[in-house]
Amino acid sequence: MITHVVLFKLKDRSPASIEKARDILLGLKGKISQLRFIEVGTDVLHSERSYDVALITKFDSMEDLQAYQVHPVHLEVAKYIMSAKESVAAVDFESN
C-alpha cells in the first residue's frame, strides 16, 4: 500500500477558506476508483510553522497513485487547491 500525504498552507488562512479547501478535497471521496482511503484534517494549533490542511490518501500500488494523479476529478480539485495555496509539502511512503 502507498500512503500519500500532502500539506497545504493557504494564501487566505481564514476559517472559511480553510473549510472550503477541506470540503473540496473531501469531494474526491468515492469518485476515483484507485483511491482506497481519504482523510482531510485542518490545523488546530495555528502556529507560524503550521500548515492549514492535511490530505492523507492510500492506494494499493504506485501505479494506482499515478493513475489518481492524472484522473480528471483529481486534476479539477488540484486546479483549485493550487490556486489557493501559498505552499505545499508532500510525502509518499509504503505502508500497511
PDB file of N, CA and C in Angstrom:
ATOM      1  N   MET A   1       0.852  -1.173   0.000  1.00  0.00           N
ATOM      2  CA  MET A   1       0.000   0.000   0.000  1.00  0.00           C
ATOM      3  C   MET A   1       0.898   1.236   0.000  1.00  0.00           C
ATOM      4  N   ILE A   2       0.456   2.272  -0.688  1.00  0.00           N
ATOM      5  CA  ILE A   2       1.166   3.551  -0.739  1.00  0.00           C
ATOM      6  C   ILE A   2       0.315   4.601  -0.026  1.00  0.00           C
ATOM      7  N   THR A   3       0.931   5.298   0.917  1.00  0.00           N
ATOM      8  CA  THR A   3       0.274   6.418   1.591  1.00  0.00           C
ATOM      9  C   THR A   3       0.837   7.708   1.019  1.00  0.00           C
ATOM     10  N   HIS A   4      -0.060   8.604   0.649  1.00  0.00           N
ATOM     11  CA  HIS A   4       0.269   9.896   0.026  1.00  0.00           C
ATOM     12  C   HIS A   4      -0.240  10.983   0.972  1.00  0.00           C
ATOM     13  N   VAL A   5       0.677  11.777   1.504  1.00  0.00           N
ATOM     14  CA  VAL A   5       0.328  12.838   2.451  1.00  0.00           C
ATOM     15  C   VAL A   5       0.712  14.177   1.839  1.00  0.00           C
ATOM     16  N   VAL A   6      -0.226  15.112   1.827  1.00  0.00           N
ATOM     17  CA  VAL A   6       0.037  16.449   1.292  1.00  0.00           C
ATOM     18  C   VAL A   6      -0.422  17.474   2.320  1.00  0.00           C
ATOM     19  N   LEU A   7       0.437  18.448   2.582  1.00  0.00           N
ATOM     20  CA  LEU A   7       0.124  19.547   3.495  1.00  0.00           C
ATOM     21  C   LEU A   7       0.017  20.831   2.693  1.00  0.00           C
ATOM     22  N   PHE A   8      -1.014  21.612   2.970  1.00  0.00           N
ATOM     23  CA  PHE A   8      -1.250  22.861   2.254  1.00  0.00           C
ATOM     24  C   PHE A   8      -1.267  24.032   3.224  1.00  0.00           C
ATOM     25  N   LYS A   9      -0.504  25.068   2.897  1.00  0.00           N
ATOM     26  CA  LYS A   9      -0.607  26.356   3.587  1.00  0.00           C
ATOM     27  C   LYS A   9      -1.311  27.270   2.596  1.00  0.00           C
ATOM     28  N   LEU A  10      -2.421  27.841   2.997  1.00  0.00           N
ATOM     29  CA  LEU A  10      -3.236  28.635   2.082  1.00  0.00           C
ATOM     30  C   LEU A  10      -2.849  30.106   2.104  1.00  0.00           C
ATOM     31  N   LYS A  11      -3.092  30.775   0.984  1.00  0.00           N
ATOM     32  CA  LYS A  11      -2.877  32.229   0.914  1.00  0.00           C
ATOM     33  C   LYS A  11      -3.828  32.938   1.871  1.00  0.00           C
ATOM     34  N   ASP A  12      -5.086  32.540   1.826  1.00  0.00           N
ATOM     35  CA  ASP A  12      -6.120  33.081   2.711  1.00  0.00           C
ATOM     36  C   ASP A  12      -6.319  32.065   3.828  1.00  0.00           C
ATOM     37  N   ARG A  13      -5.872  32.400   5.022  1.00  0.00           N
ATOM     38  CA  ARG A  13      -5.908  31.450   6.133  1.00  0.00           C
ATOM     39  C   ARG A  13      -7.149  31.632   7.019  1.00  0.00           C
ATOM     40  N   SER A  14      -8.173  32.259   6.468  1.00  0.00           N
ATOM     41  CA  SER A  14      -9.411  32.448   7.230  1.00  0.00           C
ATOM     42  C   SER A  14     -10.112  31.102   7.416  1.00  0.00           C
ATOM     43  N   PRO A  15     -10.902  30.969   8.471  1.00  0.00           N
ATOM     44  CA  PRO A  15     -11.646  29.720   8.680  1.00  0.00           C
ATOM     45  C   PRO A  15     -12.512  29.327   7.480  1.00  0.00           C
ATOM     46  N   ALA A  16     -13.137  30.285   6.833  1.00  0.00           N
ATOM     47  CA  ALA A  16     -13.994  29.976   5.682  1.00  0.00           C
ATOM     48  C   ALA A  16     -13.182  29.407   4.523  1.00  0.00           C
ATOM     49  N   SER A  17     -12.013  29.977   4.263  1.00  0.00           N
ATOM     50  CA  SER A  17     -11.155  29.498   3.181  1.00  0.00           C
ATOM     51  C   SER A  17     -10.628  28.096   3.473  1.00  0.00           C
ATOM     52  N   ILE A  18     -10.243  27.867   4.710  1.00  0.00           N
ATOM     53  CA  ILE A  18      -9.742  26.549   5.108  1.00  0.00           C
ATOM     54  C   ILE A  18     -10.847  25.506   4.997  1.00  0.00           C
ATOM     55  N   GLU A  19     -12.045  25.843   5.431  1.00  0.00           N
ATOM     56  CA  GLU A  19     -13.181  24.921   5.336  1.00  0.00           C
ATOM     57  C   GLU A  19     -13.514  24.605   3.879  1.00  0.00           C
ATOM     58  N   LYS A  20     -13.443  25.612   3.016  1.00  0.00           N
ATOM     59  CA  LYS A  20     -13.713  25.388   1.596  1.00  0.00           C
ATOM     60  C   LYS A  20     -12.695  24.423   1.001  1.00  0.00           C
ATOM     61  N   ALA A  21     -11.412  24.627   1.303  1.00  0.00           N
ATOM     62  CA  ALA A  21     -10.369  23.730   0.796  1.00  0.00           C
ATOM     63  C   ALA A  21     -10.602  22.307   1.306  1.00  0.00           C
ATOM     64  N   ARG A  22     -10.925  22.174   2.583  1.00  0.00           N
ATOM     65  CA  ARG A  22     -11.202  20.854   3.168  1.00  0.00           C
ATOM     66  C   ARG A  22     -12.363  20.176   2.446  1.00  0.00           C
ATOM     67  N   ASP A  23     -13.434  20.910   2.236  1.00  0.00           N
ATOM     68  CA  ASP A  23     -14.617  20.344   1.590  1.00  0.00           C
ATOM     69  C   ASP A  23     -14.331  19.933   0.150  1.00  0.00           C
ATOM     70  N   ILE A  24     -13.554  20.736  -0.560  1.00  0.00           N
ATOM     71  CA  ILE A  24     -13.204  20.404  -1.946  1.00  0.00           C
ATOM     72  C   ILE A  24     -12.365  19.133  -1.984  1.00  0.00           C
ATOM     73  N   LEU A  25     -11.396  19.018  -1.081  1.00  0.00           N
ATOM     74  CA  LEU A  25     -10.574  17.806  -1.024  1.00  0.00           C
ATOM     75  C   LEU A  25     -11.414  16.584  -0.661  1.00  0.00           C
ATOM     76  N   LEU A  26     -12.324  16.733   0.277  1.00  0.00           N
ATOM     77  CA  LEU A  26     -13.198  15.612   0.649  1.00  0.00           C
ATOM     78  C   LEU A  26     -14.106  15.199  -0.505  1.00  0.00           C
ATOM     79  N   GLY A  27     -14.314  16.101  -1.455  1.00  0.00           N
ATOM     80  CA  GLY A  27     -15.106  15.788  -2.636  1.00  0.00           C
ATOM     81  C   GLY A  27     -14.495  14.707  -3.515  1.00  0.00           C
ATOM     82  N   LEU A  28     -13.229  14.360  -3.277  1.00  0.00           N
ATOM     83  CA  LEU A  28     -12.584  13.274  -4.021  1.00  0.00           C
ATOM     84  C   LEU A  28     -13.138  11.902  -3.623  1.00  0.00           C
ATOM     85  N   LYS A  29     -13.684  11.813  -2.421  1.00  0.00           N
ATOM     86  CA  LYS A  29     -14.134  10.530  -1.874  1.00  0.00           C
ATOM     87  C   LYS A  29     -15.202   9.898  -2.764  1.00  0.00           C
ATOM     88  N   GLY A  30     -14.949   8.642  -3.131  1.00  0.00           N
ATOM     89  CA  GLY A  30     -15.904   7.879  -3.918  1.00  0.00           C
ATOM     90  C   GLY A  30     -15.914   8.179  -5.403  1.00  0.00           C
ATOM     91  N   LYS A  31     -15.039   9.064  -5.863  1.00  0.00           N
ATOM     92  CA  LYS A  31     -15.059   9.464  -7.274  1.00  0.00           C
ATOM     93  C   LYS A  31     -13.888   8.926  -8.087  1.00  0.00           C
ATOM     94  N   ILE A  32     -12.899   8.337  -7.410  1.00  0.00           N
ATOM     95  CA  ILE A  32     -11.721   7.806  -8.098  1.00  0.00           C
ATOM     96  C   ILE A  32     -11.516   6.382  -7.590  1.00  0.00           C
ATOM     97  N   SER A  33     -11.653   5.411  -8.478  1.00  0.00           N
ATOM     98  CA  SER A  33     -11.662   4.008  -8.040  1.00  0.00           C
ATOM     99  C   SER A  33     -10.360   3.581  -7.367  1.00  0.00           C
ATOM    100  N   GLN A  34      -9.246   4.163  -7.741  1.00  0.00           N
ATOM    101  CA  GLN A  34      -7.956   3.782  -7.153  1.00  0.00           C
ATOM    102  C   GLN A  34      -7.777   4.301  -5.725  1.00  0.00           C
ATOM    103  N   LEU A  35      -8.558   5.273  -5.335  1.00  0.00           N
ATOM    104  CA  LEU A  35      -8.439   5.894  -4.014  1.00  0.00           C
ATOM    105  C   LEU A  35      -9.085   4.987  -2.967  1.00  0.00           C
ATOM    106  N   ARG A  36      -8.252   4.347  -2.133  1.00  0.00           N
ATOM    107  CA  ARG A  36      -8.731   3.382  -1.138  1.00  0.00           C
ATOM    108  C   ARG A  36      -9.109   4.025   0.191  1.00  0.00           C
ATOM    109  N   PHE A  37      -8.507   5.166   0.508  1.00  0.00           N
ATOM    110  CA  PHE A  37      -8.736   5.829   1.795  1.00  0.00           C
ATOM    111  C   PHE A  37      -8.459   7.307   1.611  1.00  0.00           C
ATOM    112  N   ILE A  38      -9.268   8.134   2.249  1.00  0.00           N
ATOM    113  CA  ILE A  38      -9.011   9.573   2.252  1.00  0.00           C
ATOM    114  C   ILE A  38      -9.387  10.138   3.615  1.00  0.00           C
ATOM    115  N   GLU A  39      -8.533  10.996   4.114  1.00  0.00           N
ATOM    116  CA  GLU A  39      -8.811  11.747   5.332  1.00  0.00           C
ATOM    117  C   GLU A  39      -8.282  13.156   5.112  1.00  0.00           C
ATOM    118  N   VAL A  40      -9.057  14.133   5.521  1.00  0.00           N
ATOM    119  CA  VAL A  40      -8.646  15.531   5.417  1.00  0.00           C
ATOM    120  C   VAL A  40      -8.807  16.155   6.792  1.00  0.00           C
ATOM    121  N   GLY A  41      -7.754  16.816   7.250  1.00  0.00           N
ATOM    122  CA  GLY A  41      -7.806  17.468   8.548  1.00  0.00           C
ATOM    123  C   GLY A  41      -7.347  18.903   8.446  1.00  0.00           C
ATOM    124  N   THR A  42      -7.802  19.713   9.381  1.00  0.00           N
ATOM    125  CA  THR A  42      -7.378  21.110   9.429  1.00  0.00           C
ATOM    126  C   THR A  42      -6.606  21.361  10.717  1.00  0.00           C
ATOM    127  N   ASP A  43      -5.660  22.262  10.640  1.00  0.00           N
ATOM    128  CA  ASP A  43      -4.757  22.557  11.744  1.00  0.00           C
ATOM    129  C   ASP A  43      -5.507  23.115  12.949  1.00  0.00           C
ATOM    130  N   VAL A  44      -5.109  22.671  14.132  1.00  0.00           N
ATOM    131  CA  VAL A  44      -5.723  23.175  15.360  1.00  0.00           C
ATOM    132  C   VAL A  44      -4.776  24.066  16.164  1.00  0.00           C
ATOM    133  N   LEU A  45      -3.486  24.080  15.825  1.00  0.00           N
ATOM    134  CA  LEU A  45      -2.522  24.886  16.581  1.00  0.00           C
ATOM    135  C   LEU A  45      -2.379  26.311  16.061  1.00  0.00           C
ATOM    136  N   HIS A  46      -2.430  26.466  14.743  1.00  0.00           N
ATOM    137  CA  HIS A  46      -2.313  27.777  14.100  1.00  0.00           C
ATOM    138  C   HIS A  46      -0.996  28.478  14.443  1.00  0.00           C
ATOM    139  N   SER A  47       0.078  27.715  14.504  1.00  0.00           N
ATOM    140  CA  SER A  47       1.393  28.308  14.749  1.00  0.00           C
ATOM    141  C   SER A  47       1.973  28.813  13.430  1.00  0.00           C
ATOM    142  N   GLU A  48       3.034  29.565  13.515  1.00  0.00           N
ATOM    143  CA  GLU A  48       3.671  30.124  12.320  1.00  0.00           C
ATOM    144  C   GLU A  48       4.129  29.020  11.368  1.00  0.00           C
ATOM    145  N   ARG A  49       4.588  27.912  11.904  1.00  0.00           N
ATOM    146  CA  ARG A  49       5.101  26.835  11.049  1.00  0.00           C
ATOM    147  C   ARG A  49       4.025  25.849  10.600  1.00  0.00           C
ATOM    148  N   SER A  50       2.814  26.001  11.110  1.00  0.00           N
ATOM    149  CA  SER A  50       1.730  25.070  10.783  1.00  0.00           C
ATOM    150  C   SER A  50       1.264  25.217   9.340  1.00  0.00           C
ATOM    151  N   TYR A  51       0.855  24.104   8.783  1.00  0.00           N
ATOM    152  CA  TYR A  51       0.117  24.108   7.524  1.00  0.00           C
ATOM    153  C   TYR A  51      -1.365  24.102   7.885  1.00  0.00           C
ATOM    154  N   ASP A  52      -2.199  24.532   6.955  1.00  0.00           N
ATOM    155  CA  ASP A  52      -3.623  24.702   7.239  1.00  0.00           C
ATOM    156  C   ASP A  52      -4.447  23.436   7.049  1.00  0.00           C
ATOM    157  N   VAL A  53      -4.107  22.659   6.028  1.00  0.00           N
ATOM    158  CA  VAL A  53      -4.907  21.494   5.662  1.00  0.00           C
ATOM    159  C   VAL A  53      -3.973  20.322   5.368  1.00  0.00           C
ATOM    160  N   ALA A  54      -4.346  19.144   5.852  1.00  0.00           N
ATOM    161  CA  ALA A  54      -3.607  17.914   5.558  1.00  0.00           C
ATOM    162  C   ALA A  54      -4.518  16.957   4.799  1.00  0.00           C
ATOM    163  N   LEU A  55      -3.979  16.389   3.729  1.00  0.00           N
ATOM    164  CA  LEU A  55      -4.676  15.379   2.940  1.00  0.00           C
ATOM    165  C   LEU A  55      -3.901  14.075   3.075  1.00  0.00           C
ATOM    166  N   ILE A  56      -4.576  13.024   3.518  1.00  0.00           N
ATOM    167  CA  ILE A  56      -3.956  11.705   3.639  1.00  0.00           C
ATOM    168  C   ILE A  56      -4.770  10.749   2.775  1.00  0.00           C
ATOM    169  N   THR A  57      -4.094  10.120   1.818  1.00  0.00           N
ATOM    170  CA  THR A  57      -4.759   9.171   0.933  1.00  0.00           C
ATOM    171  C   THR A  57      -3.939   7.888   0.873  1.00  0.00           C
ATOM    172  N   LYS A  58      -4.605   6.787   0.530  1.00  0.00           N
ATOM    173  CA  LYS A  58      -3.937   5.490   0.415  1.00  0.00           C
ATOM    174  C   LYS A  58      -4.349   4.817  -0.887  1.00  0.00           C
ATOM    175  N   PHE A  59      -3.362   4.116  -1.463  1.00  0.00           N
ATOM    176  CA  PHE A  59      -3.539   3.435  -2.742  1.00  0.00           C
ATOM    177  C   PHE A  59      -2.928   2.044  -2.655  1.00  0.00           C
ATOM    178  N   ASP A  60      -3.439   1.106  -3.439  1.00  0.00           N
ATOM    179  CA  ASP A  60      -2.915  -0.256  -3.431  1.00  0.00           C
ATOM    180  C   ASP A  60      -1.505  -0.346  -4.000  1.00  0.00           C
ATOM    181  N   SER A  61      -1.147   0.558  -4.917  1.00  0.00           N
ATOM    182  CA  SER A  61       0.153   0.470  -5.591  1.00  0.00           C
ATOM    183  C   SER A  61       0.590   1.851  -6.065  1.00  0.00           C
ATOM    184  N   MET A  62       1.848   1.937  -6.448  1.00  0.00           N
ATOM    185  CA  MET A  62       2.371   3.176  -7.020  1.00  0.00           C
ATOM    186  C   MET A  62       1.649   3.497  -8.330  1.00  0.00           C
ATOM    187  N   GLU A  63       1.306   2.457  -9.082  1.00  0.00           N
ATOM    188  CA  GLU A  63       0.568   2.658 -10.336  1.00  0.00           C
ATOM    189  C   GLU A  63      -0.798   3.288 -10.069  1.00  0.00           C
ATOM    190  N   ASP A  64      -1.453   2.864  -9.000  1.00  0.00           N
ATOM    191  CA  ASP A  64      -2.746   3.457  -8.651  1.00  0.00           C
ATOM    192  C   ASP A  64      -2.592   4.913  -8.234  1.00  0.00           C
ATOM    193  N   LEU A  65      -1.529   5.231  -7.500  1.00  0.00           N
ATOM    194  CA  LEU A  65      -1.259   6.630  -7.142  1.00  0.00           C
ATOM    195  C   LEU A  65      -1.042   7.460  -8.398  1.00  0.00           C
ATOM    196  N   GLN A  66      -0.282   6.919  -9.340  1.00  0.00           N
ATOM    197  CA  GLN A  66      -0.027   7.645 -10.585  1.00  0.00           C
ATOM    198  C   GLN A  66      -1.311   7.839 -11.394  1.00  0.00           C
ATOM    199  N   ALA A  67      -2.183   6.845 -11.401  1.00  0.00           N
ATOM    200  CA  ALA A  67      -3.469   6.978 -12.100  1.00  0.00           C
ATOM    201  C   ALA A  67      -4.330   8.047 -11.432  1.00  0.00           C
ATOM    202  N   TYR A  68      -4.311   8.094 -10.120  1.00  0.00           N
ATOM    203  CA  TYR A  68      -5.027   9.128  -9.351  1.00  0.00           C
ATOM    204  C   TYR A  68      -4.523  10.519  -9.717  1.00  0.00           C
ATOM    205  N   GLN A  69      -3.205  10.657  -9.837  1.00  0.00           N
ATOM    206  CA  GLN A  69      -2.601  11.967 -10.112  1.00  0.00           C
ATOM    207  C   GLN A  69      -3.113  12.583 -11.416  1.00  0.00           C
ATOM    208  N   VAL A  70      -3.442  11.754 -12.395  1.00  0.00           N
ATOM    209  CA  VAL A  70      -3.880  12.265 -13.701  1.00  0.00           C
ATOM    210  C   VAL A  70      -5.388  12.106 -13.927  1.00  0.00           C
ATOM    211  N   HIS A  71      -6.102  11.627 -12.928  1.00  0.00           N
ATOM    212  CA  HIS A  71      -7.553  11.452 -13.049  1.00  0.00           C
ATOM    213  C   HIS A  71      -8.220  12.829 -13.173  1.00  0.00           C
ATOM    214  N   PRO A  72      -9.198  12.983 -14.072  1.00  0.00           N
ATOM    215  CA  PRO A  72      -9.850  14.284 -14.274  1.00  0.00           C
ATOM    216  C   PRO A  72     -10.438  14.903 -12.997  1.00  0.00           C
ATOM    217  N   VAL A  73     -10.999  14.099 -12.110  1.00  0.00           N
ATOM    218  CA  VAL A  73     -11.552  14.639 -10.859  1.00  0.00           C
ATOM    219  C   VAL A  73     -10.429  15.209  -9.994  1.00  0.00           C
ATOM    220  N   HIS A  74      -9.318  14.484  -9.887  1.00  0.00           N
ATOM    221  CA  HIS A  74      -8.173  14.980  -9.115  1.00  0.00           C
ATOM    222  C   HIS A  74      -7.623  16.254  -9.746  1.00  0.00           C
ATOM    223  N   LEU A  75      -7.517  16.286 -11.055  1.00  0.00           N
ATOM    224  CA  LEU A  75      -6.976  17.473 -11.732  1.00  0.00           C
ATOM    225  C   LEU A  75      -7.845  18.698 -11.486  1.00  0.00           C
ATOM    226  N   GLU A  76      -9.151  18.524 -11.447  1.00  0.00           N
ATOM    227  CA  GLU A  76     -10.061  19.643 -11.182  1.00  0.00           C
ATOM    228  C   GLU A  76      -9.890  20.154  -9.753  1.00  0.00           C
ATOM    229  N   VAL A  77      -9.793  19.245  -8.802  1.00  0.00           N
ATOM    230  CA  VAL A  77      -9.560  19.630  -7.407  1.00  0.00           C
ATOM    231  C   VAL A  77      -8.195  20.303  -7.274  1.00  0.00           C
ATOM    232  N   ALA A  78      -7.183  19.722  -7.895  1.00  0.00           N
ATOM    233  CA  ALA A  78      -5.824  20.276  -7.823  1.00  0.00           C
ATOM    234  C   ALA A  78      -5.761  21.682  -8.413  1.00  0.00           C
ATOM    235  N   LYS A  79      -6.528  21.929  -9.452  1.00  0.00           N
ATOM    236  CA  LYS A  79      -6.554  23.260 -10.070  1.00  0.00           C
ATOM    237  C   LYS A  79      -6.977  24.312  -9.046  1.00  0.00           C
ATOM    238  N   TYR A  80      -8.033  24.030  -8.301  1.00  0.00           N
ATOM    239  CA  TYR A  80      -8.473  24.979  -7.277  1.00  0.00           C
ATOM    240  C   TYR A  80      -7.439  25.094  -6.158  1.00  0.00           C
ATOM    241  N   ILE A  81      -7.006  23.956  -5.631  1.00  0.00           N
ATOM    242  CA  ILE A  81      -6.092  23.963  -4.489  1.00  0.00           C
ATOM    243  C   ILE A  81      -4.784  24.661  -4.848  1.00  0.00           C
ATOM    244  N   MET A  82      -4.264  24.425  -6.029  1.00  0.00           N
ATOM    245  CA  MET A  82      -3.001  25.059  -6.424  1.00  0.00           C
ATOM    246  C   MET A  82      -3.153  26.576  -6.548  1.00  0.00           C
ATOM    247  N   SER A  83      -4.332  27.045  -6.915  1.00  0.00           N
ATOM    248  CA  SER A  83      -4.547  28.497  -6.994  1.00  0.00           C
ATOM    249  C   SER A  83      -4.716  29.108  -5.608  1.00  0.00           C
ATOM    250  N   ALA A  84      -5.154  28.306  -4.640  1.00  0.00           N
ATOM    251  CA  ALA A  84      -5.420  28.809  -3.290  1.00  0.00           C
ATOM    252  C   ALA A  84      -4.235  28.649  -2.340  1.00  0.00           C
ATOM    253  N   LYS A  85      -3.252  27.839  -2.719  1.00  0.00           N
ATOM    254  CA  LYS A  85      -2.165  27.527  -1.793  1.00  0.00           C
ATOM    255  C   LYS A  85      -1.043  28.552  -1.851  1.00  0.00           C
ATOM    256  N   GLU A  86      -0.453  28.756  -0.682  1.00  0.00           N
ATOM    257  CA  GLU A  86       0.777  29.539  -0.584  1.00  0.00           C
ATOM    258  C   GLU A  86       1.976  28.616  -0.729  1.00  0.00           C
ATOM    259  N   SER A  87       1.899  27.460  -0.079  1.00  0.00           N
ATOM    260  CA  SER A  87       2.956  26.457  -0.193  1.00  0.00           C
ATOM    261  C   SER A  87       2.364  25.077   0.039  1.00  0.00           C
ATOM    262  N   VAL A  88       3.131  24.079  -0.382  1.00  0.00           N
ATOM    263  CA  VAL A  88       2.684  22.697  -0.274  1.00  0.00           C
ATOM    264  C   VAL A  88       3.890  21.818   0.049  1.00  0.00           C
ATOM    265  N   ALA A  89       3.662  20.782   0.825  1.00  0.00           N
ATOM    266  CA  ALA A  89       4.679  19.769   1.107  1.00  0.00           C
ATOM    267  C   ALA A  89       4.012  18.411   0.962  1.00  0.00           C
ATOM    268  N   ALA A  90       4.766  17.433   0.479  1.00  0.00           N
ATOM    269  CA  ALA A  90       4.183  16.109   0.268  1.00  0.00           C
ATOM    270  C   ALA A  90       5.203  15.026   0.586  1.00  0.00           C
ATOM    271  N   VAL A  91       4.678  13.869   0.957  1.00  0.00           N
ATOM    272  CA  VAL A  91       5.498  12.676   1.150  1.00  0.00           C
ATOM    273  C   VAL A  91       4.667  11.465   0.745  1.00  0.00           C
ATOM    274  N   ASP A  92       5.329  10.508   0.114  1.00  0.00           N
ATOM    275  CA  ASP A  92       4.698   9.255  -0.289  1.00  0.00           C
ATOM    276  C   ASP A  92       5.543   8.123   0.283  1.00  0.00           C
ATOM    277  N   PHE A  93       4.881   7.145   0.915  1.00  0.00           N
ATOM    278  CA  PHE A  93       5.648   6.060   1.520  1.00  0.00           C
ATOM    279  C   PHE A  93       4.857   4.766   1.504  1.00  0.00           C
ATOM    280  N   GLU A  94       5.579   3.645   1.600  1.00  0.00           N
ATOM    281  CA  GLU A  94       4.941   2.344   1.678  1.00  0.00           C
ATOM    282  C   GLU A  94       4.392   2.155   3.083  1.00  0.00           C
ATOM    283  N   SER A  95       3.184   1.612   3.163  1.00  0.00           N
ATOM    284  CA  SER A  95       2.529   1.431   4.457  1.00  0.00           C
ATOM    285  C   SER A  95       1.718   0.144   4.456  1.00  0.00           C
ATOM    286  N   ASN A  96       1.144  -0.160   5.597  1.00  0.00           N
ATOM    287  CA  ASN A  96       0.294  -1.357   5.737  1.00  0.00           C
ATOM    288  C   ASN A  96      -1.142  -1.018   5.412  1.00  0.00           C
TER     289      ASN A  96
END
